[in-house]
Structure formats: C-alpha cells, structure tokens
C-alpha atoms as a PDB file:
ATOM      1  CA  MET A   1       0.000   0.000   0.000  1.00  0.00           C
ATOM      2  CA  ALA A   2       1.376   3.401  -1.000  1.00  0.00           C
ATOM      3  CA  ALA A   3       2.155   5.855   1.786  1.00  0.00           C
ATOM      4  CA  THR A   4      -0.160   8.818   2.211  1.00  0.00           C
ATOM      5  CA  PRO A   5       1.414  11.838   0.468  1.00  0.00           C
ATOM      6  CA  ILE A   6       2.523  14.607   2.800  1.00  0.00           C
ATOM      7  CA  ALA A   7       1.836  18.327   2.296  1.00  0.00           C
ATOM      8  CA  VAL A   8       3.506  21.056   4.354  1.00  0.00           C
ATOM      9  CA  VAL A   9       1.613  24.348   4.676  1.00  0.00           C
ATOM     10  CA  THR A  10       3.364  27.379   6.179  1.00  0.00           C
ATOM     11  CA  GLY A  11       1.398  30.170   7.819  1.00  0.00           C
ATOM     12  CA  ALA A  12      -1.382  27.681   8.549  1.00  0.00           C
ATOM     13  CA  SER A  13      -2.699  29.338  11.697  1.00  0.00           C
ATOM     14  CA  SER A  14      -5.391  31.397   9.941  1.00  0.00           C
ATOM     15  CA  GLY A  15      -6.772  32.677   6.658  1.00  0.00           C
ATOM     16  CA  ILE A  16      -5.546  31.179   3.399  1.00  0.00           C
ATOM     17  CA  GLY A  17      -3.075  28.858   5.125  1.00  0.00           C
ATOM     18  CA  ALA A  18      -5.692  27.274   7.363  1.00  0.00           C
ATOM     19  CA  ALA A  19      -8.170  26.986   4.475  1.00  0.00           C
ATOM     20  CA  THR A  20      -5.491  25.384   2.295  1.00  0.00           C
ATOM     21  CA  ALA A  21      -4.705  22.839   5.007  1.00  0.00           C
ATOM     22  CA  ARG A  22      -8.382  21.872   5.142  1.00  0.00           C
ATOM     23  CA  THR A  23      -8.566  21.593   1.353  1.00  0.00           C
ATOM     24  CA  LEU A  24      -5.449  19.438   1.015  1.00  0.00           C
ATOM     25  CA  ALA A  25      -6.543  17.221   3.907  1.00  0.00           C
ATOM     26  CA  ALA A  26      -9.837  16.660   2.089  1.00  0.00           C
ATOM     27  CA  GLU A  27      -7.839  15.760  -1.039  1.00  0.00           C
ATOM     28  CA  GLY A  28      -6.169  12.948   0.882  1.00  0.00           C
ATOM     29  CA  PHE A  29      -2.873  14.512   1.944  1.00  0.00           C
ATOM     30  CA  ARG A  30      -1.402  14.162   5.406  1.00  0.00           C
ATOM     31  CA  VAL A  31      -0.955  17.817   6.209  1.00  0.00           C
ATOM     32  CA  VAL A  32       1.792  19.277   8.347  1.00  0.00           C
ATOM     33  CA  LEU A  33       0.711  22.666   9.671  1.00  0.00           C
ATOM     34  CA  THR A  34       3.377  25.216  10.506  1.00  0.00           C
ATOM     35  CA  ALA A  35       3.081  28.707  11.975  1.00  0.00           C
ATOM     36  CA  ARG A  36       4.398  30.661  14.936  1.00  0.00           C
ATOM     37  CA  ARG A  37       1.115  30.410  16.861  1.00  0.00           C
ATOM     38  CA  LYS A  38       1.282  26.889  18.230  1.00  0.00           C
ATOM     39  CA  ASP A  39      -2.164  26.965  19.830  1.00  0.00           C
ATOM     40  CA  ARG A  40      -3.852  27.849  16.535  1.00  0.00           C
ATOM     41  CA  ILE A  41      -2.247  25.090  14.481  1.00  0.00           C
ATOM     42  CA  GLU A  42      -2.733  22.504  17.230  1.00  0.00           C
ATOM     43  CA  ALA A  43      -6.440  23.342  17.298  1.00  0.00           C
ATOM     44  CA  LEU A  44      -6.651  23.020  13.511  1.00  0.00           C
ATOM     45  CA  ALA A  45      -4.763  19.720  13.547  1.00  0.00           C
ATOM     46  CA  ALA A  46      -7.195  18.403  16.178  1.00  0.00           C
ATOM     47  CA  GLU A  47     -10.153  19.528  14.054  1.00  0.00           C
ATOM     48  CA  LEU A  48      -8.801  17.742  10.978  1.00  0.00           C
ATOM     49  CA  ASN A  49      -7.911  14.564  12.851  1.00  0.00           C
ATOM     50  CA  GLU A  50     -11.363  14.429  14.452  1.00  0.00           C
ATOM     51  CA  ALA A  51     -12.838  14.684  10.955  1.00  0.00           C
ATOM     52  CA  GLY A  52     -10.917  11.554   9.911  1.00  0.00           C
ATOM     53  CA  HIS A  53      -8.023  13.288   8.159  1.00  0.00           C
ATOM     54  CA  GLN A  54      -4.322  13.188   9.049  1.00  0.00           C
ATOM     55  CA  ALA A  55      -2.730  16.341  10.401  1.00  0.00           C
ATOM     56  CA  THR A  56       0.261  17.348  12.507  1.00  0.00           C
ATOM     57  CA  ALA A  57       1.109  20.747  13.989  1.00  0.00           C
ATOM     58  CA  TYR A  58       4.670  22.084  14.172  1.00  0.00           C
ATOM     59  CA  ALA A  59       5.424  25.529  15.582  1.00  0.00           C
ATOM     60  CA  LEU A  60       7.836  27.253  13.208  1.00  0.00           C
ATOM     61  CA  ASP A  61       9.119  30.725  12.352  1.00  0.00           C
ATOM     62  CA  VAL A  62      10.094  30.560   8.682  1.00  0.00           C
ATOM     63  CA  THR A  63      12.621  33.377   9.128  1.00  0.00           C
ATOM     64  CA  ASP A  64      14.626  31.255  11.616  1.00  0.00           C
ATOM     65  CA  ARG A  65      16.875  29.230   9.306  1.00  0.00           C
ATOM     66  CA  ALA A  66      18.235  26.956  12.028  1.00  0.00           C
ATOM     67  CA  ALA A  67      14.681  26.061  13.096  1.00  0.00           C
ATOM     68  CA  VAL A  68      13.648  25.475   9.476  1.00  0.00           C
ATOM     69  CA  ASP A  69      16.625  23.184   8.873  1.00  0.00           C
ATOM     70  CA  GLU A  70      15.768  21.184  11.995  1.00  0.00           C
ATOM     71  CA  PHE A  71      12.152  20.905  10.837  1.00  0.00           C
ATOM     72  CA  ALA A  72      13.293  19.612   7.443  1.00  0.00           C
ATOM     73  CA  THR A  73      15.138  16.651   8.966  1.00  0.00           C
ATOM     74  CA  ALA A  74      11.761  15.019   9.622  1.00  0.00           C
ATOM     75  CA  PHE A  75      11.165  14.490   5.894  1.00  0.00           C
ATOM     76  CA  ARG A  76      12.839  12.009   3.601  1.00  0.00           C
ATOM     77  CA  SER A  77      10.097  12.415   1.034  1.00  0.00           C
ATOM     78  CA  LEU A  78       7.540  15.174   0.576  1.00  0.00           C
ATOM     79  CA  ALA A  79       4.772  15.609  -1.996  1.00  0.00           C
ATOM     80  CA  VAL A  80       3.738  19.243  -1.590  1.00  0.00           C
ATOM     81  CA  LEU A  81       5.072  22.425  -0.022  1.00  0.00           C
ATOM     82  CA  VAL A  82       2.753  25.430   0.168  1.00  0.00           C
ATOM     83  CA  ASN A  83       4.720  28.590   0.949  1.00  0.00           C
ATOM     84  CA  ASN A  84       1.935  30.719   2.380  1.00  0.00           C
ATOM     85  CA  ALA A  85       3.604  32.514   5.317  1.00  0.00           C
ATOM     86  CA  GLY A  86       3.881  36.241   4.618  1.00  0.00           C
ATOM     87  CA  GLY A  87       1.915  39.416   5.057  1.00  0.00           C
ATOM     88  CA  ALA A  88       1.868  43.184   4.706  1.00  0.00           C
ATOM     89  CA  LEU A  89       2.746  45.983   7.108  1.00  0.00           C
ATOM     90  CA  GLY A  90       1.714  49.589   6.629  1.00  0.00           C
ATOM     91  CA  ALA A  91       0.426  51.539   3.644  1.00  0.00           C
ATOM     92  CA  ASP A  92       2.805  54.498   3.669  1.00  0.00           C
ATOM     93  CA  PRO A  93       4.271  56.065   0.545  1.00  0.00           C
ATOM     94  CA  VAL A  94       7.883  55.333  -0.346  1.00  0.00           C
ATOM     95  CA  ALA A  95       8.916  58.788   0.886  1.00  0.00           C
ATOM     96  CA  THR A  96       7.867  58.060   4.478  1.00  0.00           C
ATOM     97  CA  GLY A  97       7.704  54.264   4.699  1.00  0.00           C
ATOM     98  CA  ASP A  98       9.375  52.657   7.696  1.00  0.00           C
ATOM     99  CA  PRO A  99      12.468  50.684   6.620  1.00  0.00           C
ATOM    100  CA  ALA A 100      11.815  48.276   9.498  1.00  0.00           C
ATOM    101  CA  ASP A 101       8.438  47.392   7.946  1.00  0.00           C
ATOM    102  CA  TRP A 102      10.044  46.859   4.543  1.00  0.00           C
ATOM    103  CA  ARG A 103      12.725  44.657   6.100  1.00  0.00           C
ATOM    104  CA  GLN A 104      10.199  42.556   8.000  1.00  0.00           C
ATOM    105  CA  MET A 105       8.040  42.052   4.916  1.00  0.00           C
ATOM    106  CA  TYR A 106      11.062  41.021   2.860  1.00  0.00           C
ATOM    107  CA  GLU A 107      12.293  38.660   5.573  1.00  0.00           C
ATOM    108  CA  THR A 108       8.939  36.909   5.917  1.00  0.00           C
ATOM    109  CA  ASN A 109       7.721  36.852   2.325  1.00  0.00           C
ATOM    110  CA  VAL A 110      11.000  36.291   0.493  1.00  0.00           C
ATOM    111  CA  ILE A 111      13.648  34.945   2.876  1.00  0.00           C
ATOM    112  CA  GLY A 112      11.075  32.818   4.708  1.00  0.00           C
ATOM    113  CA  THR A 113       9.992  31.257   1.422  1.00  0.00           C
ATOM    114  CA  LEU A 114      13.624  30.777   0.430  1.00  0.00           C
ATOM    115  CA  ASN A 115      14.478  29.127   3.751  1.00  0.00           C
ATOM    116  CA  VAL A 116      11.680  26.584   3.639  1.00  0.00           C
ATOM    117  CA  THR A 117      12.054  25.870  -0.080  1.00  0.00           C
ATOM    118  CA  GLN A 118      15.795  25.265   0.167  1.00  0.00           C
ATOM    119  CA  ALA A 119      15.441  23.083   3.246  1.00  0.00           C
ATOM    120  CA  LEU A 120      12.663  20.884   1.819  1.00  0.00           C
ATOM    121  CA  LEU A 121      13.719  20.733  -1.849  1.00  0.00           C
ATOM    122  CA  PRO A 122      15.739  17.504  -1.345  1.00  0.00           C
ATOM    123  CA  ALA A 123      12.683  15.748   0.133  1.00  0.00           C
ATOM    124  CA  LEU A 124      10.435  17.084  -2.617  1.00  0.00           C
ATOM    125  CA  THR A 125      12.874  15.787  -5.227  1.00  0.00           C
ATOM    126  CA  ALA A 126      13.225  12.430  -3.481  1.00  0.00           C
ATOM    127  CA  SER A 127       9.469  11.915  -3.706  1.00  0.00           C
ATOM    128  CA  GLY A 128       9.763  11.615  -7.468  1.00  0.00           C
ATOM    129  CA  ASP A 129       6.728  13.851  -7.886  1.00  0.00           C
ATOM    130  CA  GLY A 130       7.010  17.009  -5.782  1.00  0.00           C
ATOM    131  CA  THR A 131       5.135  20.296  -6.011  1.00  0.00           C
ATOM    132  CA  ILE A 132       6.134  23.680  -4.620  1.00  0.00           C
ATOM    133  CA  VAL A 133       3.386  26.289  -4.335  1.00  0.00           C
ATOM    134  CA  ILE A 134       4.399  29.889  -3.771  1.00  0.00           C
ATOM    135  CA  LEU A 135       1.538  32.099  -2.723  1.00  0.00           C
ATOM    136  CA  SER A 136       2.418  35.558  -3.977  1.00  0.00           C
ATOM    137  CA  SER A 137      -0.132  38.254  -4.822  1.00  0.00           C
ATOM    138  CA  THR A 138      -1.255  40.455  -7.656  1.00  0.00           C
ATOM    139  CA  ALA A 139       1.137  42.857  -5.889  1.00  0.00           C
ATOM    140  CA  ALA A 140       3.876  40.616  -7.323  1.00  0.00           C
ATOM    141  CA  LEU A 141       2.891  41.679 -10.816  1.00  0.00           C
ATOM    142  CA  SER A 142       2.025  45.386 -10.602  1.00  0.00           C
ATOM    143  CA  SER A 143       2.470  48.318  -8.235  1.00  0.00           C
ATOM    144  CA  TYR A 144       0.025  50.536  -6.412  1.00  0.00           C
ATOM    145  CA  GLU A 145       0.375  53.671  -4.318  1.00  0.00           C
ATOM    146  CA  GLY A 146       1.017  53.032  -0.646  1.00  0.00           C
ATOM    147  CA  GLY A 147       2.107  49.469  -1.279  1.00  0.00           C
ATOM    148  CA  GLY A 148       5.782  49.894  -2.074  1.00  0.00           C
ATOM    149  CA  GLY A 149       7.230  47.666   0.626  1.00  0.00           C
ATOM    150  CA  TYR A 150       4.720  44.861   0.137  1.00  0.00           C
ATOM    151  CA  VAL A 151       4.900  45.131  -3.646  1.00  0.00           C
ATOM    152  CA  ALA A 152       8.710  44.929  -3.514  1.00  0.00           C
ATOM    153  CA  ALA A 153       8.574  41.835  -1.300  1.00  0.00           C
ATOM    154  CA  LYS A 154       5.985  40.100  -3.456  1.00  0.00           C
ATOM    155  CA  HIS A 155       7.923  40.937  -6.623  1.00  0.00           C
ATOM    156  CA  GLY A 156      10.887  39.233  -4.956  1.00  0.00           C
ATOM    157  CA  GLU A 157       8.775  36.168  -4.226  1.00  0.00           C
ATOM    158  CA  HIS A 158       7.548  36.102  -7.831  1.00  0.00           C
ATOM    159  CA  VAL A 159      11.109  36.211  -9.153  1.00  0.00           C
ATOM    160  CA  LEU A 160      12.113  33.465  -6.718  1.00  0.00           C
ATOM    161  CA  ALA A 161       9.392  31.207  -8.165  1.00  0.00           C
ATOM    162  CA  GLU A 162      10.215  32.104 -11.751  1.00  0.00           C
ATOM    163  CA  THR A 163      13.956  31.538 -11.300  1.00  0.00           C
ATOM    164  CA  LEU A 164      13.558  28.299  -9.363  1.00  0.00           C
ATOM    165  CA  ARG A 165      11.362  26.892 -12.120  1.00  0.00           C
ATOM    166  CA  LEU A 166      14.114  27.598 -14.653  1.00  0.00           C
ATOM    167  CA  GLU A 167      16.823  26.120 -12.464  1.00  0.00           C
ATOM    168  CA  ILE A 168      15.134  22.814 -11.583  1.00  0.00           C
ATOM    169  CA  VAL A 169      13.488  22.025 -14.910  1.00  0.00           C
ATOM    170  CA  GLY A 170      14.102  18.368 -15.664  1.00  0.00           C
ATOM    171  CA  THR A 171      13.703  17.341 -12.039  1.00  0.00           C
ATOM    172  CA  PRO A 172      10.466  15.770 -10.744  1.00  0.00           C
ATOM    173  CA  VAL A 173       9.358  18.979  -8.991  1.00  0.00           C
ATOM    174  CA  ARG A 174       6.794  21.507 -10.209  1.00  0.00           C
ATOM    175  CA  VAL A 175       6.796  25.176  -9.180  1.00  0.00           C
ATOM    176  CA  ILE A 176       3.342  26.753  -9.041  1.00  0.00           C
ATOM    177  CA  GLU A 177       2.700  30.409  -8.238  1.00  0.00           C
ATOM    178  CA  VAL A 178      -0.768  31.505  -7.157  1.00  0.00           C
ATOM    179  CA  ALA A 179      -1.298  35.268  -7.105  1.00  0.00           C
ATOM    180  CA  PRO A 180      -4.554  36.337  -5.417  1.00  0.00           C
ATOM    181  CA  GLY A 181      -6.058  39.790  -5.667  1.00  0.00           C
ATOM    182  CA  MET A 182      -8.455  41.168  -3.064  1.00  0.00           C
ATOM    183  CA  VAL A 183      -9.086  38.520  -0.411  1.00  0.00           C
ATOM    184  CA  ARG A 184     -11.064  39.248   2.747  1.00  0.00           C
ATOM    185  CA  THR A 185      -9.668  37.248   5.656  1.00  0.00           C
ATOM    186  CA  GLU A 186      -9.951  37.788   9.381  1.00  0.00           C
ATOM    187  CA  GLU A 187      -6.419  39.118   9.793  1.00  0.00           C
ATOM    188  CA  PHE A 188      -4.609  40.351   6.676  1.00  0.00           C
ATOM    189  CA  ALA A 189      -5.822  43.954   6.481  1.00  0.00           C
ATOM    190  CA  THR A 190      -6.090  44.282  10.255  1.00  0.00           C
ATOM    191  CA  THR A 191      -2.460  43.254  10.633  1.00  0.00           C
ATOM    192  CA  ARG A 192      -1.435  45.613   7.872  1.00  0.00           C
ATOM    193  CA  PHE A 193      -3.045  48.526   9.715  1.00  0.00           C
ATOM    194  CA  ARG A 194      -1.706  47.396  13.105  1.00  0.00           C
ATOM    195  CA  GLY A 195      -5.045  46.431  14.570  1.00  0.00           C
ATOM    196  CA  ASP A 196      -7.035  49.401  13.234  1.00  0.00           C
ATOM    197  CA  THR A 197     -10.233  47.582  12.280  1.00  0.00           C
ATOM    198  CA  GLU A 198     -11.827  50.737  10.848  1.00  0.00           C
ATOM    199  CA  LYS A 199      -9.025  51.194   8.318  1.00  0.00           C
ATOM    200  CA  ALA A 200      -9.072  47.477   7.547  1.00  0.00           C
ATOM    201  CA  ALA A 201     -12.802  47.539   6.843  1.00  0.00           C
ATOM    202  CA  LYS A 202     -12.386  50.410   4.365  1.00  0.00           C
ATOM    203  CA  VAL A 203     -10.268  48.162   2.128  1.00  0.00           C
ATOM    204  CA  TYR A 204     -13.361  46.097   1.344  1.00  0.00           C
ATOM    205  CA  ALA A 205     -16.031  48.789   1.682  1.00  0.00           C
ATOM    206  CA  GLY A 206     -18.635  48.570  -1.070  1.00  0.00           C
ATOM    207  CA  VAL A 207     -16.936  45.650  -2.805  1.00  0.00           C
ATOM    208  CA  ASP A 208     -19.382  42.961  -3.839  1.00  0.00           C
ATOM    209  CA  ALA A 209     -17.972  39.601  -2.720  1.00  0.00           C
ATOM    210  CA  PRO A 210     -14.204  39.859  -2.335  1.00  0.00           C
ATOM    211  CA  LEU A 211     -12.402  36.530  -2.543  1.00  0.00           C
ATOM    212  CA  THR A 212     -12.426  34.364   0.561  1.00  0.00           C
ATOM    213  CA  ALA A 213      -9.618  32.243   1.975  1.00  0.00           C
ATOM    214  CA  GLU A 214     -11.584  29.215   0.799  1.00  0.00           C
ATOM    215  CA  ASP A 215     -11.642  30.534  -2.781  1.00  0.00           C
ATOM    216  CA  VAL A 216      -7.854  30.731  -2.826  1.00  0.00           C
ATOM    217  CA  ALA A 217      -7.476  27.362  -1.105  1.00  0.00           C
ATOM    218  CA  ASP A 218      -9.744  25.799  -3.728  1.00  0.00           C
ATOM    219  CA  THR A 219      -7.508  27.271  -6.425  1.00  0.00           C
ATOM    220  CA  ILE A 220      -4.386  25.863  -4.756  1.00  0.00           C
ATOM    221  CA  GLY A 221      -6.027  22.470  -4.348  1.00  0.00           C
ATOM    222  CA  TRP A 222      -6.960  22.404  -8.033  1.00  0.00           C
ATOM    223  CA  ALA A 223      -3.452  23.368  -9.173  1.00  0.00           C
ATOM    224  CA  VAL A 224      -1.743  20.822  -6.930  1.00  0.00           C
ATOM    225  CA  THR A 225      -3.962  17.950  -8.048  1.00  0.00           C
ATOM    226  CA  ARG A 226      -3.411  18.384 -11.796  1.00  0.00           C
ATOM    227  CA  PRO A 227      -1.689  15.425 -13.496  1.00  0.00           C
ATOM    228  CA  SER A 228       2.024  15.336 -12.701  1.00  0.00           C
ATOM    229  CA  HIS A 229       3.086  16.520 -16.166  1.00  0.00           C
ATOM    230  CA  VAL A 230       0.860  19.637 -15.915  1.00  0.00           C
ATOM    231  CA  ASN A 231       2.487  22.693 -14.299  1.00  0.00           C
ATOM    232  CA  ILE A 232       0.370  25.746 -13.546  1.00  0.00           C
ATOM    233  CA  ASP A 233       3.217  28.264 -13.757  1.00  0.00           C
ATOM    234  CA  LEU A 234       1.225  31.306 -12.640  1.00  0.00           C
ATOM    235  CA  LEU A 235      -2.429  31.591 -11.740  1.00  0.00           C
ATOM    236  CA  VAL A 236      -3.898  35.026 -11.043  1.00  0.00           C
ATOM    237  CA  VAL A 237      -7.228  34.981  -9.216  1.00  0.00           C
ATOM    238  CA  ARG A 238      -9.316  38.063  -8.436  1.00  0.00           C
ATOM    239  CA  PRO A 239     -12.919  38.741  -7.455  1.00  0.00           C
ATOM    240  CA  ARG A 240     -15.191  39.797 -10.301  1.00  0.00           C
ATOM    241  CA  ALA A 241     -15.355  43.309  -8.819  1.00  0.00           C
ATOM    242  CA  GLN A 242     -11.602  43.829  -9.177  1.00  0.00           C
ATOM    243  CA  ALA A 243     -10.029  44.443 -12.583  1.00  0.00           C
ATOM    244  CA  SER A 244      -6.567  45.442 -11.307  1.00  0.00           C
ATOM    245  CA  ASN A 245      -4.811  46.495  -8.119  1.00  0.00           C
ATOM    246  CA  THR A 246      -6.126  50.022  -8.632  1.00  0.00           C
ATOM    247  CA  LYS A 247      -9.447  49.373 -10.397  1.00  0.00           C
ATOM    248  CA  VAL A 248     -12.101  48.057  -8.014  1.00  0.00           C
ATOM    249  CA  HIS A 249     -15.853  48.466  -8.455  1.00  0.00           C
ATOM    250  CA  ARG A 250     -17.527  49.709  -5.283  1.00  0.00           C
ATOM    251  CA  THR A 251     -21.250  50.216  -4.753  1.00  0.00           C
ATOM    252  CA  LEU A 252     -20.813  53.119  -2.318  1.00  0.00           C
END
C-alpha cells in the first residue's frame, strides 16, 4: 500500500493557510501545519484529525533558518510544499515608509519562502513527484500607491518562483505560483493597519464579494492535483469586482 502523500503548509494558523490545510486534507494529503502560533495550528490539527483526516502541527518561524533546517530533517520524502507565510505591514508612501516594515516584509515573504524551499527541496525531489506552491499576490505583478514595501517583497517572491522553475526544470518537482487579488480574511488587512479595524474595513467597503480564503485554497487544491506533467506556472485569481490592483468596483 502506497504511503499517504505529505503536504507542508506554512502560515497555517489562519486565513488562506488554514483553508489550504483543510482543502489538502480533504484531497487525501497528510498535512503538516506550521506557523508561529502553536495553539492555533494545534487546534486546527485536532479539528482535521477528528474529521478523519491526518494532520500534525509544528510551531515554526520561517525566518529562523536553524529552526527550518531542523524541521526539514523530519522528511525524507515530501509531496507538496505550500509557501503561504507572509503578510503586509503599513500603507505608507515610499517617501515616508518605515524601513523596518520593509525589512520585516522582505524577511517573511522572500527569505522565509527561500528558507523553507531550500530546506525541503531535497525531500520534494526524493518523492519523485514534488510540487512547490508559492503564494504571492497580484502585488507581485504590478504596483500601487502606498504598497511599495509589500509590492517589492511580493515581486521578490515572484522572481524566486520564476527563477527556481528555470533552475530545476528536468527534475520531478513543479513550481506553481498563485497570485490572489483582493481577499477578505480575518487578519490580513487588520495586521497591515496594526489592529485598526476601521481602516481594515475600508479596504473592502462597497466591494461585492471579495475573494475568501476558501476561494484561494480551492484554487491551490486544483493546481496541486493536476496530473504530474501539468504545471500551472502562474495563476492570477481576483474577485469579479476587481479588474486590477487600482481598479475596483464599489457600490458606495
């Protein structure tokens, strides 16, 4: 009997990461949930296990390379890695943006993805049929005012995916990039505005049905479960009300 394929999901404590873990568990993967908030991922693992799936929680900060390398020793073979850990901080213009915010966004979105990808690439290759998913953003493809630091970090993540795909072609590992547009989750905008729920709510004000975490997770699940020879290089997904990063239809 073949072993159950394993999928690692980073940033699985909430939002898109948690929804992706649920989706991949339903697809038959044994999911390994990682995030800094141990209580959150342990609760999600318990939920999935009680539902008859297979899930394990592992507290991990993707920017801590030593911790990531230690985590990677648990895997001789790995089917899927979903690099979801990331996030945005602030919405200041370039002229007044806080370099500390830019540095933190780059460390989490780019270096965190690099750390985990490098550490787990041998196990993904050893599986004979590995898939790396990099969750970027439409910010990885075009700029918008007030988003300089986040846009720069996501552009870096996009280039990481694009370059890795070139460098490992011919190996049994796919590199998939999923770039969501406007997604309403319980934390993303609130974190960006440092807990200011009023500012966070304005992001989605008047927008008919922004994407949900489940919409993005469904997209990731679809891409990952394509036949092995099919690689979804880049998939951009937006709500119908959003035509670009700066063109959003609002009913207000």
